[in-house]
PDB file of N, CA and C in Angstrom:
ATOM      1  N   UNK A   1      65.910 -33.258  -3.730  1.00  0.00           N
ATOM      2  CA  UNK A   1      64.559 -33.751  -3.895  1.00  0.00           C
ATOM      3  C   UNK A   1      63.639 -32.998  -2.936  1.00  0.00           C
ATOM      4  N   UNK A   2      62.554 -32.493  -3.450  1.00  0.00           N
ATOM      5  CA  UNK A   2      61.582 -31.778  -2.632  1.00  0.00           C
ATOM      6  C   UNK A   2      60.506 -32.728  -2.142  1.00  0.00           C
ATOM      7  N   UNK A   3      60.033 -32.485  -0.924  1.00  0.00           N
ATOM      8  CA  UNK A   3      58.922 -33.269  -0.380  1.00  0.00           C
ATOM      9  C   UNK A   3      57.622 -32.763  -0.997  1.00  0.00           C
ATOM     10  N   UNK A   4      56.651 -33.646  -1.090  1.00  0.00           N
ATOM     11  CA  UNK A   4      55.361 -33.326  -1.674  1.00  0.00           C
ATOM     12  C   UNK A   4      54.282 -33.770  -0.703  1.00  0.00           C
ATOM     13  N   UNK A   5      53.338 -32.911  -0.392  1.00  0.00           N
ATOM     14  CA  UNK A   5      52.229 -33.275   0.476  1.00  0.00           C
ATOM     15  C   UNK A   5      51.115 -33.898  -0.358  1.00  0.00           C
ATOM     16  N   UNK A   6      50.903 -35.196  -0.183  1.00  0.00           N
ATOM     17  CA  UNK A   6      49.816 -35.860  -0.900  1.00  0.00           C
ATOM     18  C   UNK A   6      48.461 -35.358  -0.429  1.00  0.00           C
ATOM     19  N   UNK A   7      48.368 -34.976   0.841  1.00  0.00           N
ATOM     20  CA  UNK A   7      47.115 -34.446   1.379  1.00  0.00           C
ATOM     21  C   UNK A   7      46.754 -33.139   0.677  1.00  0.00           C
ATOM     22  N   UNK A   8      47.708 -32.224   0.575  1.00  0.00           N
ATOM     23  CA  UNK A   8      47.463 -30.941  -0.091  1.00  0.00           C
ATOM     24  C   UNK A   8      47.182 -31.151  -1.578  1.00  0.00           C
ATOM     25  N   UNK A   9      47.921 -32.050  -2.209  1.00  0.00           N
ATOM     26  CA  UNK A   9      47.710 -32.317  -3.630  1.00  0.00           C
ATOM     27  C   UNK A   9      46.329 -32.934  -3.874  1.00  0.00           C
ATOM     28  N   UNK A  10      45.900 -33.814  -2.972  1.00  0.00           N
ATOM     29  CA  UNK A  10      44.566 -34.412  -3.093  1.00  0.00           C
ATOM     30  C   UNK A  10      43.491 -33.324  -3.019  1.00  0.00           C
ATOM     31  N   UNK A  11      43.620 -32.411  -2.066  1.00  0.00           N
ATOM     32  CA  UNK A  11      42.651 -31.319  -1.941  1.00  0.00           C
ATOM     33  C   UNK A  11      42.642 -30.451  -3.202  1.00  0.00           C
ATOM     34  N   UNK A  12      43.825 -30.143  -3.717  1.00  0.00           N
ATOM     35  CA  UNK A  12      43.950 -29.332  -4.935  1.00  0.00           C
ATOM     36  C   UNK A  12      43.286 -30.021  -6.124  1.00  0.00           C
ATOM     37  N   UNK A  13      43.511 -31.324  -6.266  1.00  0.00           N
ATOM     38  CA  UNK A  13      42.958 -32.056  -7.400  1.00  0.00           C
ATOM     39  C   UNK A  13      41.442 -32.240  -7.284  1.00  0.00           C
ATOM     40  N   UNK A  14      40.918 -32.404  -6.063  1.00  0.00           N
ATOM     41  CA  UNK A  14      39.462 -32.482  -5.896  1.00  0.00           C
ATOM     42  C   UNK A  14      38.831 -31.153  -6.303  1.00  0.00           C
ATOM     43  N   UNK A  15      39.436 -30.045  -5.909  1.00  0.00           N
ATOM     44  CA  UNK A  15      38.933 -28.725  -6.315  1.00  0.00           C
ATOM     45  C   UNK A  15      38.970 -28.587  -7.838  1.00  0.00           C
ATOM     46  N   UNK A  16      40.053 -29.053  -8.462  1.00  0.00           N
ATOM     47  CA  UNK A  16      40.165 -28.994  -9.923  1.00  0.00           C
ATOM     48  C   UNK A  16      39.123 -29.886 -10.595  1.00  0.00           C
ATOM     49  N   UNK A  17      38.818 -31.031  -9.996  1.00  0.00           N
ATOM     50  CA  UNK A  17      37.791 -31.918 -10.542  1.00  0.00           C
ATOM     51  C   UNK A  17      36.428 -31.225 -10.531  1.00  0.00           C
ATOM     52  N   UNK A  18      36.139 -30.501  -9.461  1.00  0.00           N
ATOM     53  CA  UNK A  18      34.871 -29.760  -9.380  1.00  0.00           C
ATOM     54  C   UNK A  18      34.805 -28.657 -10.428  1.00  0.00           C
ATOM     55  N   UNK A  19      35.936 -28.073 -10.762  1.00  0.00           N
ATOM     56  CA  UNK A  19      35.974 -26.993 -11.750  1.00  0.00           C
ATOM     57  C   UNK A  19      35.944 -27.528 -13.187  1.00  0.00           C
ATOM     58  N   UNK A  20      36.200 -28.807 -13.355  1.00  0.00           N
ATOM     59  CA  UNK A  20      36.253 -29.425 -14.675  1.00  0.00           C
ATOM     60  C   UNK A  20      34.866 -29.895 -15.114  1.00  0.00           C
ATOM     61  N   UNK A  21      34.557 -29.712 -16.391  1.00  0.00           N
ATOM     62  CA  UNK A  21      33.264 -30.179 -16.908  1.00  0.00           C
ATOM     63  C   UNK A  21      33.179 -31.703 -16.883  1.00  0.00           C
ATOM     64  N   UNK A  22      34.327 -32.384 -16.888  1.00  0.00           N
ATOM     65  CA  UNK A  22      34.357 -33.849 -16.836  1.00  0.00           C
ATOM     66  C   UNK A  22      34.239 -34.382 -15.412  1.00  0.00           C
ATOM     67  N   UNK A  23      34.399 -33.497 -14.417  1.00  0.00           N
ATOM     68  CA  UNK A  23      34.316 -33.929 -13.026  1.00  0.00           C
ATOM     69  C   UNK A  23      35.509 -34.719 -12.549  1.00  0.00           C
ATOM     70  N   UNK A  24      36.649 -34.532 -13.230  1.00  0.00           N
ATOM     71  CA  UNK A  24      37.858 -35.236 -12.814  1.00  0.00           C
ATOM     72  C   UNK A  24      39.089 -34.406 -13.126  1.00  0.00           C
ATOM     73  N   UNK A  25      40.173 -34.768 -12.449  1.00  0.00           N
ATOM     74  CA  UNK A  25      41.443 -34.074 -12.623  1.00  0.00           C
ATOM     75  C   UNK A  25      42.560 -35.042 -12.266  1.00  0.00           C
ATOM     76  N   UNK A  26      43.723 -34.857 -12.884  1.00  0.00           N
ATOM     77  CA  UNK A  26      44.856 -35.749 -12.595  1.00  0.00           C
ATOM     78  C   UNK A  26      46.163 -34.986 -12.727  1.00  0.00           C
ATOM     79  N   UNK A  27      47.118 -35.414 -11.916  1.00  0.00           N
ATOM     80  CA  UNK A  27      48.474 -34.859 -12.004  1.00  0.00           C
ATOM     81  C   UNK A  27      49.480 -35.975 -11.758  1.00  0.00           C
ATOM     82  N   UNK A  28      50.332 -36.219 -12.732  1.00  0.00           N
ATOM     83  CA  UNK A  28      51.391 -37.209 -12.573  1.00  0.00           C
ATOM     84  C   UNK A  28      52.482 -36.598 -11.701  1.00  0.00           C
ATOM     85  N   UNK A  29      52.845 -37.312 -10.640  1.00  0.00           N
ATOM     86  CA  UNK A  29      53.845 -36.796  -9.704  1.00  0.00           C
ATOM     87  C   UNK A  29      55.187 -37.502  -9.839  1.00  0.00           C
ATOM     88  N   UNK A  30      55.193 -38.641 -10.529  1.00  0.00           N
ATOM     89  CA  UNK A  30      56.453 -39.359 -10.763  1.00  0.00           C
ATOM     90  C   UNK A  30      56.301 -40.180 -12.029  1.00  0.00           C
ATOM     91  N   UNK A  31      57.375 -40.233 -12.781  1.00  0.00           N
ATOM     92  CA  UNK A  31      57.404 -41.120 -13.934  1.00  0.00           C
ATOM     93  C   UNK A  31      57.052 -40.409 -15.224  1.00  0.00           C
ATOM     94  N   UNK A  32      56.751 -41.209 -16.201  1.00  0.00           N
ATOM     95  CA  UNK A  32      56.483 -40.719 -17.539  1.00  0.00           C
ATOM     96  C   UNK A  32      57.068 -41.692 -18.534  1.00  0.00           C
ATOM     97  N   UNK A  33      57.339 -41.215 -19.727  1.00  0.00           N
ATOM     98  CA  UNK A  33      57.811 -42.082 -20.810  1.00  0.00           C
ATOM     99  C   UNK A  33      59.125 -42.793 -20.522  1.00  0.00           C
ATOM    100  N   UNK A  34      59.995 -42.202 -19.713  1.00  0.00           N
ATOM    101  CA  UNK A  34      61.314 -42.792 -19.484  1.00  0.00           C
ATOM    102  C   UNK A  34      61.399 -43.603 -18.197  1.00  0.00           C
ATOM    103  N   UNK A  35      60.296 -43.811 -17.501  1.00  0.00           N
ATOM    104  CA  UNK A  35      60.295 -44.538 -16.235  1.00  0.00           C
ATOM    105  C   UNK A  35      59.388 -45.765 -16.319  1.00  0.00           C
ATOM    106  N   UNK A  36      59.737 -46.784 -15.592  1.00  0.00           N
ATOM    107  CA  UNK A  36      58.886 -47.969 -15.508  1.00  0.00           C
ATOM    108  C   UNK A  36      57.715 -47.724 -14.555  1.00  0.00           C
ATOM    109  N   UNK A  37      57.927 -46.882 -13.543  1.00  0.00           N
ATOM    110  CA  UNK A  37      56.890 -46.586 -12.555  1.00  0.00           C
ATOM    111  C   UNK A  37      56.294 -45.213 -12.836  1.00  0.00           C
ATOM    112  N   UNK A  38      54.959 -45.160 -12.876  1.00  0.00           N
ATOM    113  CA  UNK A  38      54.262 -43.877 -13.015  1.00  0.00           C
ATOM    114  C   UNK A  38      53.279 -43.752 -11.860  1.00  0.00           C
ATOM    115  N   UNK A  39      53.300 -42.609 -11.174  1.00  0.00           N
ATOM    116  CA  UNK A  39      52.379 -42.359 -10.071  1.00  0.00           C
ATOM    117  C   UNK A  39      51.600 -41.083 -10.367  1.00  0.00           C
ATOM    118  N   UNK A  40      50.282 -41.190 -10.259  1.00  0.00           N
ATOM    119  CA  UNK A  40      49.389 -40.093 -10.599  1.00  0.00           C
ATOM    120  C   UNK A  40      48.362 -39.907  -9.501  1.00  0.00           C
ATOM    121  N   UNK A  41      48.167 -38.656  -9.086  1.00  0.00           N
ATOM    122  CA  UNK A  41      47.063 -38.341  -8.180  1.00  0.00           C
ATOM    123  C   UNK A  41      45.871 -38.013  -9.068  1.00  0.00           C
ATOM    124  N   UNK A  42      44.818 -38.784  -8.897  1.00  0.00           N
ATOM    125  CA  UNK A  42      43.609 -38.678  -9.702  1.00  0.00           C
ATOM    126  C   UNK A  42      42.454 -38.317  -8.784  1.00  0.00           C
ATOM    127  N   UNK A  43      41.686 -37.302  -9.155  1.00  0.00           N
ATOM    128  CA  UNK A  43      40.528 -36.899  -8.345  1.00  0.00           C
ATOM    129  C   UNK A  43      39.264 -36.995  -9.177  1.00  0.00           C
ATOM    130  N   UNK A  44      38.194 -37.431  -8.512  1.00  0.00           N
ATOM    131  CA  UNK A  44      36.877 -37.517  -9.129  1.00  0.00           C
ATOM    132  C   UNK A  44      35.862 -36.874  -8.205  1.00  0.00           C
ATOM    133  N   UNK A  45      34.969 -36.064  -8.765  1.00  0.00           N
ATOM    134  CA  UNK A  45      33.864 -35.524  -7.988  1.00  0.00           C
ATOM    135  C   UNK A  45      32.903 -36.675  -7.692  1.00  0.00           C
ATOM    136  N   UNK A  46      32.161 -36.565  -6.606  1.00  0.00           N
ATOM    137  CA  UNK A  46      31.209 -37.619  -6.209  1.00  0.00           C
ATOM    138  C   UNK A  46      30.306 -37.989  -7.387  1.00  0.00           C
ATOM    139  N   UNK A  47      30.160 -39.300  -7.605  1.00  0.00           N
ATOM    140  CA  UNK A  47      29.299 -39.803  -8.664  1.00  0.00           C
ATOM    141  C   UNK A  47      29.973 -39.951 -10.016  1.00  0.00           C
ATOM    142  N   UNK A  48      31.155 -39.390 -10.183  1.00  0.00           N
ATOM    143  CA  UNK A  48      31.876 -39.497 -11.459  1.00  0.00           C
ATOM    144  C   UNK A  48      32.612 -40.834 -11.534  1.00  0.00           C
ATOM    145  N   UNK A  49      32.893 -41.254 -12.751  1.00  0.00           N
ATOM    146  CA  UNK A  49      33.614 -42.515 -12.935  1.00  0.00           C
ATOM    147  C   UNK A  49      34.574 -42.406 -14.095  1.00  0.00           C
ATOM    148  N   UNK A  50      35.550 -43.289 -14.091  1.00  0.00           N
ATOM    149  CA  UNK A  50      36.492 -43.325 -15.199  1.00  0.00           C
ATOM    150  C   UNK A  50      35.929 -44.109 -16.372  1.00  0.00           C
ATOM    151  N   UNK A  51      35.038 -45.030 -16.101  1.00  0.00           N
ATOM    152  CA  UNK A  51      34.525 -45.896 -17.153  1.00  0.00           C
ATOM    153  C   UNK A  51      35.441 -47.084 -17.345  1.00  0.00           C
ATOM    154  N   UNK A  52      34.890 -48.160 -17.813  1.00  0.00           N
ATOM    155  CA  UNK A  52      35.657 -49.393 -17.955  1.00  0.00           C
ATOM    156  C   UNK A  52      36.803 -49.203 -18.948  1.00  0.00           C
ATOM    157  N   UNK A  53      37.982 -49.691 -18.568  1.00  0.00           N
ATOM    158  CA  UNK A  53      39.165 -49.585 -19.411  1.00  0.00           C
ATOM    159  C   UNK A  53      40.107 -50.743 -19.119  1.00  0.00           C
ATOM    160  N   UNK A  54      41.036 -50.970 -20.031  1.00  0.00           N
ATOM    161  CA  UNK A  54      42.014 -52.043 -19.862  1.00  0.00           C
ATOM    162  C   UNK A  54      43.021 -51.678 -18.779  1.00  0.00           C
ATOM    163  N   UNK A  55      43.562 -52.678 -18.135  1.00  0.00           N
ATOM    164  CA  UNK A  55      44.619 -52.464 -17.157  1.00  0.00           C
ATOM    165  C   UNK A  55      45.897 -52.125 -17.913  1.00  0.00           C
ATOM    166  N   UNK A  56      46.571 -51.022 -17.540  1.00  0.00           N
ATOM    167  CA  UNK A  56      47.777 -50.621 -18.260  1.00  0.00           C
ATOM    168  C   UNK A  56      49.024 -51.397 -17.846  1.00  0.00           C
ATOM    169  N   UNK A  57      48.889 -52.293 -16.912  1.00  0.00           N
ATOM    170  CA  UNK A  57      50.017 -53.048 -16.374  1.00  0.00           C
ATOM    171  C   UNK A  57      49.801 -53.271 -14.892  1.00  0.00           C
ATOM    172  N   UNK A  58      50.832 -53.702 -14.220  1.00  0.00           N
ATOM    173  CA  UNK A  58      50.744 -53.921 -12.780  1.00  0.00           C
ATOM    174  C   UNK A  58      50.422 -52.585 -12.110  1.00  0.00           C
ATOM    175  N   UNK A  59      49.360 -52.555 -11.263  1.00  0.00           N
ATOM    176  CA  UNK A  59      48.916 -51.272 -10.721  1.00  0.00           C
ATOM    177  C   UNK A  59      48.291 -51.421  -9.335  1.00  0.00           C
ATOM    178  N   UNK A  60      48.424 -50.345  -8.557  1.00  0.00           N
ATOM    179  CA  UNK A  60      47.796 -50.267  -7.236  1.00  0.00           C
ATOM    180  C   UNK A  60      47.105 -48.916  -7.101  1.00  0.00           C
ATOM    181  N   UNK A  61      46.217 -48.856  -6.116  1.00  0.00           N
ATOM    182  CA  UNK A  61      45.447 -47.651  -5.860  1.00  0.00           C
ATOM    183  C   UNK A  61      45.421 -47.413  -4.361  1.00  0.00           C
ATOM    184  N   UNK A  62      45.829 -46.233  -3.918  1.00  0.00           N
ATOM    185  CA  UNK A  62      45.741 -45.847  -2.515  1.00  0.00           C
ATOM    186  C   UNK A  62      44.784 -44.677  -2.438  1.00  0.00           C
ATOM    187  N   UNK A  63      43.757 -44.790  -1.595  1.00  0.00           N
ATOM    188  CA  UNK A  63      42.770 -43.720  -1.461  1.00  0.00           C
ATOM    189  C   UNK A  63      43.339 -42.653  -0.528  1.00  0.00           C
ATOM    190  N   UNK A  64      43.508 -41.447  -1.067  1.00  0.00           N
ATOM    191  CA  UNK A  64      44.026 -40.324  -0.293  1.00  0.00           C
ATOM    192  C   UNK A  64      42.906 -39.572   0.408  1.00  0.00           C
ATOM    193  N   UNK A  65      41.719 -39.544  -0.190  1.00  0.00           N
ATOM    194  CA  UNK A  65      40.562 -38.851   0.385  1.00  0.00           C
ATOM    195  C   UNK A  65      39.295 -39.417  -0.235  1.00  0.00           C
ATOM    196  N   UNK A  66      38.233 -39.516   0.560  1.00  0.00           N
ATOM    197  CA  UNK A  66      36.937 -39.942   0.037  1.00  0.00           C
ATOM    198  C   UNK A  66      36.736 -41.444   0.036  1.00  0.00           C
ATOM    199  N   UNK A  67      35.792 -41.867  -0.820  1.00  0.00           N
ATOM    200  CA  UNK A  67      35.461 -43.288  -0.975  1.00  0.00           C
ATOM    201  C   UNK A  67      35.263 -43.580  -2.454  1.00  0.00           C
ATOM    202  N   UNK A  68      35.785 -44.726  -2.894  1.00  0.00           N
ATOM    203  CA  UNK A  68      35.681 -45.145  -4.288  1.00  0.00           C
ATOM    204  C   UNK A  68      35.233 -46.598  -4.363  1.00  0.00           C
ATOM    205  N   UNK A  69      34.767 -46.969  -5.557  1.00  0.00           N
ATOM    206  CA  UNK A  69      34.440 -48.365  -5.839  1.00  0.00           C
ATOM    207  C   UNK A  69      35.215 -48.775  -7.085  1.00  0.00           C
ATOM    208  N   UNK A  70      36.000 -49.831  -6.961  1.00  0.00           N
ATOM    209  CA  UNK A  70      36.735 -50.412  -8.076  1.00  0.00           C
ATOM    210  C   UNK A  70      35.984 -51.669  -8.495  1.00  0.00           C
ATOM    211  N   UNK A  71      35.636 -51.758  -9.778  1.00  0.00           N
ATOM    212  CA  UNK A  71      34.896 -52.915 -10.283  1.00  0.00           C
ATOM    213  C   UNK A  71      35.656 -53.554 -11.424  1.00  0.00           C
ATOM    214  N   UNK A  72      35.641 -54.890 -11.436  1.00  0.00           N
ATOM    215  CA  UNK A  72      36.239 -55.661 -12.524  1.00  0.00           C
ATOM    216  C   UNK A  72      35.351 -56.876 -12.750  1.00  0.00           C
ATOM    217  N   UNK A  73      34.647 -56.894 -13.865  1.00  0.00           N
ATOM    218  CA  UNK A  73      33.721 -57.996 -14.120  1.00  0.00           C
ATOM    219  C   UNK A  73      32.632 -58.014 -13.065  1.00  0.00           C
ATOM    220  N   UNK A  74      32.412 -59.180 -12.448  1.00  0.00           N
ATOM    221  CA  UNK A  74      31.389 -59.329 -11.418  1.00  0.00           C
ATOM    222  C   UNK A  74      31.896 -58.960 -10.025  1.00  0.00           C
ATOM    223  N   UNK A  75      33.161 -58.619  -9.901  1.00  0.00           N
ATOM    224  CA  UNK A  75      33.746 -58.291  -8.604  1.00  0.00           C
ATOM    225  C   UNK A  75      33.826 -56.783  -8.422  1.00  0.00           C
ATOM    226  N   UNK A  76      33.639 -56.335  -7.169  1.00  0.00           N
ATOM    227  CA  UNK A  76      33.847 -54.921  -6.869  1.00  0.00           C
ATOM    228  C   UNK A  76      34.326 -54.789  -5.434  1.00  0.00           C
ATOM    229  N   UNK A  77      35.071 -53.706  -5.207  1.00  0.00           N
ATOM    230  CA  UNK A  77      35.652 -53.446  -3.895  1.00  0.00           C
ATOM    231  C   UNK A  77      35.443 -51.979  -3.582  1.00  0.00           C
ATOM    232  N   UNK A  78      35.009 -51.679  -2.355  1.00  0.00           N
ATOM    233  CA  UNK A  78      34.912 -50.298  -1.910  1.00  0.00           C
ATOM    234  C   UNK A  78      36.115 -50.001  -1.031  1.00  0.00           C
ATOM    235  N   UNK A  79      36.634 -48.787  -1.169  1.00  0.00           N
ATOM    236  CA  UNK A  79      37.795 -48.386  -0.388  1.00  0.00           C
ATOM    237  C   UNK A  79      37.599 -46.937   0.054  1.00  0.00           C
ATOM    238  N   UNK A  80      38.107 -46.629   1.248  1.00  0.00           N
ATOM    239  CA  UNK A  80      37.989 -45.283   1.820  1.00  0.00           C
ATOM    240  C   UNK A  80      39.379 -44.756   2.146  1.00  0.00           C
ATOM    241  N   UNK A  81      39.436 -43.507   2.575  1.00  0.00           N
ATOM    242  CA  UNK A  81      40.699 -42.849   2.896  1.00  0.00           C
ATOM    243  C   UNK A  81      41.625 -43.788   3.663  1.00  0.00           C
ATOM    244  N   UNK A  82      42.842 -43.938   3.147  1.00  0.00           N
ATOM    245  CA  UNK A  82      43.850 -44.787   3.784  1.00  0.00           C
ATOM    246  C   UNK A  82      43.876 -46.204   3.258  1.00  0.00           C
ATOM    247  N   UNK A  83      42.848 -46.635   2.528  1.00  0.00           N
ATOM    248  CA  UNK A  83      42.812 -47.997   2.007  1.00  0.00           C
ATOM    249  C   UNK A  83      43.683 -48.133   0.762  1.00  0.00           C
ATOM    250  N   UNK A  84      44.110 -49.369   0.519  1.00  0.00           N
ATOM    251  CA  UNK A  84      45.024 -49.702  -0.567  1.00  0.00           C
ATOM    252  C   UNK A  84      44.458 -50.897  -1.312  1.00  0.00           C
ATOM    253  N   UNK A  85      44.386 -50.798  -2.631  1.00  0.00           N
ATOM    254  CA  UNK A  85      43.862 -51.885  -3.450  1.00  0.00           C
ATOM    255  C   UNK A  85      44.864 -52.248  -4.540  1.00  0.00           C
ATOM    256  N   UNK A  86      44.933 -53.528  -4.847  1.00  0.00           N
ATOM    257  CA  UNK A  86      45.694 -53.980  -6.014  1.00  0.00           C
ATOM    258  C   UNK A  86      44.696 -54.053  -7.161  1.00  0.00           C
ATOM    259  N   UNK A  87      44.997 -53.371  -8.248  1.00  0.00           N
ATOM    260  CA  UNK A  87      44.093 -53.354  -9.395  1.00  0.00           C
ATOM    261  C   UNK A  87      44.279 -54.644 -10.175  1.00  0.00           C
ATOM    262  N   UNK A  88      43.178 -55.367 -10.422  1.00  0.00           N
ATOM    263  CA  UNK A  88      43.308 -56.639 -11.140  1.00  0.00           C
ATOM    264  C   UNK A  88      43.759 -56.412 -12.582  1.00  0.00           C
ATOM    265  N   UNK A  89      44.470 -57.390 -13.144  1.00  0.00           N
ATOM    266  CA  UNK A  89      44.951 -57.257 -14.530  1.00  0.00           C
ATOM    267  C   UNK A  89      43.841 -57.579 -15.531  1.00  0.00           C
ATOM    268  N   UNK A  90      42.747 -56.844 -15.452  1.00  0.00           N
ATOM    269  CA  UNK A  90      41.577 -57.068 -16.304  1.00  0.00           C
ATOM    270  C   UNK A  90      40.883 -55.723 -16.524  1.00  0.00           C
ATOM    271  N   UNK A  91      39.923 -55.703 -17.435  1.00  0.00           N
ATOM    272  CA  UNK A  91      39.142 -54.479 -17.632  1.00  0.00           C
ATOM    273  C   UNK A  91      38.518 -54.106 -16.297  1.00  0.00           C
ATOM    274  N   UNK A  92      38.544 -52.818 -15.987  1.00  0.00           N
ATOM    275  CA  UNK A  92      38.021 -52.377 -14.694  1.00  0.00           C
ATOM    276  C   UNK A  92      37.491 -50.951 -14.802  1.00  0.00           C
ATOM    277  N   UNK A  93      36.838 -50.518 -13.737  1.00  0.00           N
ATOM    278  CA  UNK A  93      36.158 -49.234 -13.693  1.00  0.00           C
ATOM    279  C   UNK A  93      36.365 -48.659 -12.296  1.00  0.00           C
ATOM    280  N   UNK A  94      36.453 -47.342 -12.190  1.00  0.00           N
ATOM    281  CA  UNK A  94      36.583 -46.687 -10.889  1.00  0.00           C
ATOM    282  C   UNK A  94      35.491 -45.631 -10.778  1.00  0.00           C
ATOM    283  N   UNK A  95      34.727 -45.686  -9.682  1.00  0.00           N
ATOM    284  CA  UNK A  95      33.644 -44.739  -9.428  1.00  0.00           C
ATOM    285  C   UNK A  95      33.877 -44.058  -8.091  1.00  0.00           C
ATOM    286  N   UNK A  96      33.665 -42.743  -8.050  1.00  0.00           N
ATOM    287  CA  UNK A  96      33.771 -41.993  -6.794  1.00  0.00           C
ATOM    288  C   UNK A  96      32.425 -42.020  -6.091  1.00  0.00           C
ATOM    289  N   UNK A  97      32.393 -42.573  -4.889  1.00  0.00           N
ATOM    290  CA  UNK A  97      31.184 -42.568  -4.076  1.00  0.00           C
ATOM    291  C   UNK A  97      31.016 -41.189  -3.444  1.00  0.00           C
ATOM    292  N   UNK A  98      32.121 -40.639  -2.950  1.00  0.00           N
ATOM    293  CA  UNK A  98      32.200 -39.279  -2.423  1.00  0.00           C
ATOM    294  C   UNK A  98      33.234 -38.541  -3.272  1.00  0.00           C
ATOM    295  N   UNK A  99      33.374 -37.226  -3.080  1.00  0.00           N
ATOM    296  CA  UNK A  99      34.513 -36.535  -3.682  1.00  0.00           C
ATOM    297  C   UNK A  99      35.758 -37.309  -3.248  1.00  0.00           C
ATOM    298  N   UNK A 100      36.603 -37.675  -4.198  1.00  0.00           N
ATOM    299  CA  UNK A 100      37.705 -38.585  -3.884  1.00  0.00           C
ATOM    300  C   UNK A 100      38.978 -38.228  -4.626  1.00  0.00           C
ATOM    301  N   UNK A 101      40.097 -38.589  -4.004  1.00  0.00           N
ATOM    302  CA  UNK A 101      41.405 -38.504  -4.642  1.00  0.00           C
ATOM    303  C   UNK A 101      42.153 -39.794  -4.327  1.00  0.00           C
ATOM    304  N   UNK A 102      42.821 -40.331  -5.342  1.00  0.00           N
ATOM    305  CA  UNK A 102      43.565 -41.575  -5.182  1.00  0.00           C
ATOM    306  C   UNK A 102      44.970 -41.395  -5.753  1.00  0.00           C
ATOM    307  N   UNK A 103      45.889 -42.199  -5.246  1.00  0.00           N
ATOM    308  CA  UNK A 103      47.226 -42.278  -5.816  1.00  0.00           C
ATOM    309  C   UNK A 103      47.275 -43.568  -6.632  1.00  0.00           C
ATOM    310  N   UNK A 104      47.361 -43.423  -7.940  1.00  0.00           N
ATOM    311  CA  UNK A 104      47.442 -44.550  -8.850  1.00  0.00           C
ATOM    312  C   UNK A 104      48.911 -44.794  -9.180  1.00  0.00           C
ATOM    313  N   UNK A 105      49.395 -45.994  -8.885  1.00  0.00           N
ATOM    314  CA  UNK A 105      50.775 -46.376  -9.191  1.00  0.00           C
ATOM    315  C   UNK A 105      50.737 -47.490 -10.224  1.00  0.00           C
ATOM    316  N   UNK A 106      51.439 -47.285 -11.346  1.00  0.00           N
ATOM    317  CA  UNK A 106      51.420 -48.241 -12.449  1.00  0.00           C
ATOM    318  C   UNK A 106      52.842 -48.551 -12.883  1.00  0.00           C
ATOM    319  N   UNK A 107      53.136 -49.832 -13.033  1.00  0.00           N
ATOM    320  CA  UNK A 107      54.404 -50.260 -13.617  1.00  0.00           C
ATOM    321  C   UNK A 107      54.111 -50.569 -15.079  1.00  0.00           C
ATOM    322  N   UNK A 108      54.720 -49.803 -15.969  1.00  0.00           N
ATOM    323  CA  UNK A 108      54.422 -49.944 -17.396  1.00  0.00           C
ATOM    324  C   UNK A 108      55.450 -50.770 -18.143  1.00  0.00           C
ATOM    325  N   UNK A 109      56.609 -50.975 -17.531  1.00  0.00           N
ATOM    326  CA  UNK A 109      57.689 -51.686 -18.196  1.00  0.00           C
ATOM    327  C   UNK A 109      58.429 -52.505 -17.136  1.00  0.00           C
ATOM    328  N   UNK A 110      58.338 -53.798 -17.234  1.00  0.00           N
ATOM    329  CA  UNK A 110      59.051 -54.631 -16.259  1.00  0.00           C
ATOM    330  C   UNK A 110      60.509 -54.724 -16.654  1.00  0.00           C
ATOM    331  N   UNK A 111      61.354 -54.262 -15.764  1.00  0.00           N
ATOM    332  CA  UNK A 111      62.795 -54.322 -16.008  1.00  0.00           C
ATOM    333  C   UNK A 111      63.378 -55.476 -15.221  1.00  0.00           C
ATOM    334  N   UNK A 112      64.146 -56.310 -15.862  1.00  0.00           N
ATOM    335  CA  UNK A 112      64.710 -57.477 -15.185  1.00  0.00           C
ATOM    336  C   UNK A 112      66.201 -57.398 -15.101  1.00  0.00           C
TER     337      UNK A 112
END
């Protein structure tokens, strides 16, 4: 197993977000169709947002760089580098206040 620098990956993805016409970039670092856990480094240029979407399952967000705002209904939370948020199981939205990169962890299949 090789080690992965989340700091370097965050910087790489922020640069890719700036180069993208959508202002965002993502790279899945663990998981996929055959895993219950999926982890993705997602970067957004300042002012960009994902837009409101359904929760894909149990999920958390760790801010690797920058500042973001997570909103769900009338509630919103701001988080900065090093902060950790539990994503509510409801429609939600993510906005980058600054150039930002987050580690999104999602459990898509509960195994018992």
